[in-house]
N, C-alpha and C. Protein backbone atom coordinates (compact mmCIF):
# COMPACT_ATOMS: atom_id res chain seq x y z
N MET A 1 0.85 -1.18 0.00
CA MET A 1 0.00 0.00 0.00
C MET A 1 0.89 1.23 0.00
N SER A 2 0.58 2.18 -0.86
CA SER A 2 1.34 3.42 -0.88
C SER A 2 0.64 4.43 0.03
N GLU A 3 1.41 5.37 0.51
CA GLU A 3 0.86 6.38 1.41
C GLU A 3 0.99 7.76 0.77
N ILE A 4 -0.08 8.52 0.86
CA ILE A 4 -0.11 9.89 0.35
C ILE A 4 -0.26 10.80 1.55
N THR A 5 0.52 11.86 1.60
CA THR A 5 0.40 12.85 2.66
C THR A 5 -0.36 14.06 2.14
N VAL A 6 -1.42 14.41 2.83
CA VAL A 6 -2.19 15.61 2.49
C VAL A 6 -1.89 16.64 3.56
N THR A 7 -1.38 17.79 3.16
CA THR A 7 -1.05 18.85 4.09
C THR A 7 -2.09 19.96 3.96
N VAL A 8 -2.67 20.33 5.08
CA VAL A 8 -3.63 21.43 5.11
C VAL A 8 -2.93 22.57 5.85
N SER A 9 -2.69 23.67 5.15
CA SER A 9 -1.94 24.77 5.78
C SER A 9 -2.65 26.09 5.59
N GLY A 10 -2.37 27.01 6.49
CA GLY A 10 -2.95 28.34 6.43
C GLY A 10 -2.78 29.02 7.78
N PRO A 11 -3.19 30.27 7.87
CA PRO A 11 -3.04 30.99 9.12
C PRO A 11 -4.00 30.49 10.20
N VAL A 12 -3.72 30.86 11.43
CA VAL A 12 -4.58 30.52 12.56
C VAL A 12 -6.00 31.01 12.30
N GLY A 13 -6.95 30.13 12.55
CA GLY A 13 -8.35 30.52 12.45
C GLY A 13 -8.91 30.61 11.05
N CYS A 14 -8.29 29.94 10.09
CA CYS A 14 -8.80 30.03 8.71
C CYS A 14 -9.68 28.85 8.33
N GLY A 15 -9.74 27.81 9.18
CA GLY A 15 -10.57 26.64 8.87
C GLY A 15 -9.79 25.39 8.52
N LYS A 16 -8.49 25.35 8.85
CA LYS A 16 -7.67 24.18 8.52
C LYS A 16 -8.23 22.89 9.11
N SER A 17 -8.55 22.92 10.39
CA SER A 17 -9.05 21.72 11.05
C SER A 17 -10.39 21.29 10.47
N SER A 18 -11.21 22.25 10.12
CA SER A 18 -12.51 21.93 9.52
C SER A 18 -12.33 21.25 8.17
N ILE A 19 -11.44 21.78 7.36
CA ILE A 19 -11.17 21.16 6.05
C ILE A 19 -10.57 19.77 6.24
N ALA A 20 -9.61 19.64 7.18
CA ALA A 20 -9.00 18.33 7.45
C ALA A 20 -10.07 17.33 7.89
N GLY A 21 -10.99 17.78 8.74
CA GLY A 21 -12.06 16.90 9.19
C GLY A 21 -12.96 16.46 8.06
N GLU A 22 -13.28 17.38 7.17
CA GLU A 22 -14.13 17.03 6.02
C GLU A 22 -13.40 16.11 5.05
N ILE A 23 -12.09 16.31 4.87
CA ILE A 23 -11.30 15.40 4.03
C ILE A 23 -11.35 13.99 4.63
N GLU A 24 -11.18 13.91 5.95
CA GLU A 24 -11.25 12.60 6.63
C GLU A 24 -12.61 11.93 6.36
N ILE A 25 -13.69 12.66 6.55
CA ILE A 25 -15.04 12.12 6.34
C ILE A 25 -15.22 11.64 4.91
N ALA A 26 -14.82 12.47 3.94
CA ALA A 26 -15.00 12.13 2.53
C ALA A 26 -14.19 10.89 2.14
N LEU A 27 -12.95 10.83 2.59
CA LEU A 27 -12.11 9.68 2.23
C LEU A 27 -12.62 8.39 2.88
N LYS A 28 -13.00 8.47 4.14
CA LYS A 28 -13.53 7.28 4.80
C LYS A 28 -14.82 6.82 4.12
N ALA A 29 -15.63 7.76 3.63
CA ALA A 29 -16.88 7.42 2.96
C ALA A 29 -16.66 6.61 1.69
N ILE A 30 -15.52 6.79 1.05
CA ILE A 30 -15.23 6.01 -0.16
C ILE A 30 -14.26 4.86 0.12
N GLY A 31 -14.03 4.58 1.41
CA GLY A 31 -13.25 3.41 1.79
C GLY A 31 -11.75 3.59 1.84
N VAL A 32 -11.29 4.82 1.87
CA VAL A 32 -9.85 5.07 1.94
C VAL A 32 -9.44 5.20 3.40
N PRO A 33 -8.49 4.40 3.87
CA PRO A 33 -8.03 4.51 5.25
C PRO A 33 -7.37 5.88 5.47
N VAL A 34 -7.68 6.49 6.59
CA VAL A 34 -7.15 7.83 6.92
C VAL A 34 -6.63 7.81 8.35
N ARG A 35 -5.50 8.45 8.57
CA ARG A 35 -4.99 8.69 9.92
C ARG A 35 -4.39 10.08 9.94
N PHE A 36 -4.36 10.67 11.10
CA PHE A 36 -3.73 11.97 11.26
C PHE A 36 -2.32 11.77 11.79
N ALA A 37 -1.38 12.55 11.28
CA ALA A 37 0.00 12.45 11.73
C ALA A 37 0.09 12.69 13.23
N ASP A 38 -0.72 13.60 13.75
CA ASP A 38 -0.77 13.88 15.18
C ASP A 38 -2.19 13.63 15.68
N GLU A 39 -2.47 12.38 16.00
CA GLU A 39 -3.82 11.98 16.42
C GLU A 39 -4.27 12.73 17.67
N LYS A 40 -3.34 12.97 18.59
CA LYS A 40 -3.68 13.65 19.85
C LYS A 40 -4.16 15.08 19.58
N GLU A 41 -3.45 15.78 18.70
CA GLU A 41 -3.84 17.16 18.36
C GLU A 41 -5.20 17.19 17.68
N MET A 42 -5.43 16.28 16.74
CA MET A 42 -6.70 16.28 16.02
C MET A 42 -7.84 15.87 16.94
N ARG A 43 -7.58 14.94 17.86
CA ARG A 43 -8.60 14.54 18.83
C ARG A 43 -9.01 15.75 19.67
N SER A 44 -8.04 16.58 20.03
CA SER A 44 -8.31 17.80 20.79
C SER A 44 -9.21 18.74 19.98
N GLU A 45 -8.92 18.90 18.69
CA GLU A 45 -9.75 19.74 17.82
C GLU A 45 -11.17 19.19 17.72
N LYS A 46 -11.28 17.87 17.57
CA LYS A 46 -12.60 17.24 17.47
C LYS A 46 -13.39 17.44 18.75
N ASN A 47 -12.72 17.30 19.90
CA ASN A 47 -13.40 17.50 21.19
C ASN A 47 -13.87 18.94 21.34
N MET A 48 -13.04 19.88 20.90
CA MET A 48 -13.38 21.29 21.02
C MET A 48 -14.59 21.65 20.16
N THR A 49 -14.65 21.10 18.96
CA THR A 49 -15.72 21.46 18.02
C THR A 49 -16.89 20.49 18.05
N GLY A 50 -16.71 19.36 18.74
CA GLY A 50 -17.73 18.32 18.67
C GLY A 50 -17.73 17.64 17.32
N ALA A 51 -16.65 17.83 16.57
CA ALA A 51 -16.49 17.29 15.22
C ALA A 51 -17.60 17.77 14.29
N ASP A 52 -18.16 18.93 14.57
CA ASP A 52 -19.15 19.54 13.70
C ASP A 52 -18.43 20.54 12.81
N TRP A 53 -17.79 20.01 11.77
CA TRP A 53 -16.97 20.84 10.91
C TRP A 53 -17.78 21.81 10.07
N THR A 54 -18.99 21.42 9.71
CA THR A 54 -19.76 22.25 8.78
C THR A 54 -20.06 23.63 9.36
N GLY A 55 -20.32 23.71 10.64
CA GLY A 55 -20.55 25.01 11.27
C GLY A 55 -19.33 25.91 11.16
N TYR A 56 -18.17 25.33 11.33
CA TYR A 56 -16.94 26.11 11.24
C TYR A 56 -16.62 26.49 9.79
N LEU A 57 -16.99 25.62 8.86
CA LEU A 57 -16.80 25.97 7.45
C LEU A 57 -17.66 27.17 7.09
N GLU A 58 -18.86 27.22 7.62
CA GLU A 58 -19.73 28.38 7.39
C GLU A 58 -19.13 29.65 7.99
N MET A 59 -18.52 29.51 9.16
CA MET A 59 -17.94 30.66 9.84
C MET A 59 -16.69 31.17 9.11
N TYR A 60 -15.79 30.25 8.75
CA TYR A 60 -14.52 30.65 8.13
C TYR A 60 -14.62 30.90 6.64
N LYS A 61 -15.54 30.19 5.97
CA LYS A 61 -15.70 30.28 4.51
C LYS A 61 -14.36 30.13 3.77
N PRO A 62 -13.62 29.05 4.08
CA PRO A 62 -12.32 28.87 3.42
C PRO A 62 -12.48 28.43 1.98
N SER A 63 -11.48 28.75 1.18
CA SER A 63 -11.38 28.17 -0.15
C SER A 63 -10.13 27.29 -0.14
N VAL A 64 -10.05 26.36 -1.05
CA VAL A 64 -8.97 25.38 -1.03
C VAL A 64 -8.22 25.40 -2.36
N VAL A 65 -6.91 25.38 -2.28
CA VAL A 65 -6.04 25.24 -3.45
C VAL A 65 -5.39 23.87 -3.33
N ILE A 66 -5.54 23.04 -4.34
CA ILE A 66 -4.95 21.71 -4.33
C ILE A 66 -3.66 21.74 -5.13
N VAL A 67 -2.59 21.27 -4.51
CA VAL A 67 -1.28 21.20 -5.16
C VAL A 67 -0.84 19.75 -5.18
N GLU A 68 -0.50 19.24 -6.34
CA GLU A 68 0.04 17.89 -6.45
C GLU A 68 1.55 17.98 -6.57
N GLN A 69 2.24 17.21 -5.76
CA GLN A 69 3.71 17.25 -5.76
C GLN A 69 4.23 15.82 -5.87
N ILE A 70 5.11 15.59 -6.78
CA ILE A 70 5.72 14.27 -6.95
C ILE A 70 7.00 14.21 -6.13
N ILE A 71 7.12 13.17 -5.32
CA ILE A 71 8.33 12.97 -4.53
C ILE A 71 9.00 11.71 -5.08
N ALA A 72 10.25 11.85 -5.47
CA ALA A 72 10.97 10.73 -6.06
C ALA A 72 11.11 9.58 -5.07
N ALA A 73 10.96 8.37 -5.57
CA ALA A 73 11.12 7.17 -4.73
C ALA A 73 12.55 7.08 -4.23
N LYS A 74 12.69 6.56 -3.04
CA LYS A 74 14.03 6.41 -2.45
C LYS A 74 14.62 5.07 -2.78
């Protein structure tokens, strides 16, 4: 199995955790295994928001730029 790293970046309070949460939901819905690099940090975010990402998406109204980057095999 190959592993893909998805990085969600932006300034504080822009909706990064909300987007990451929605990416997790969407990928799991189509059967793609997902884990967070820092499970403890993400668990904290989920506890704080109740994992209700949609409310935060409405508040932040983020837009997303997708960048594909090829990393040479080692």
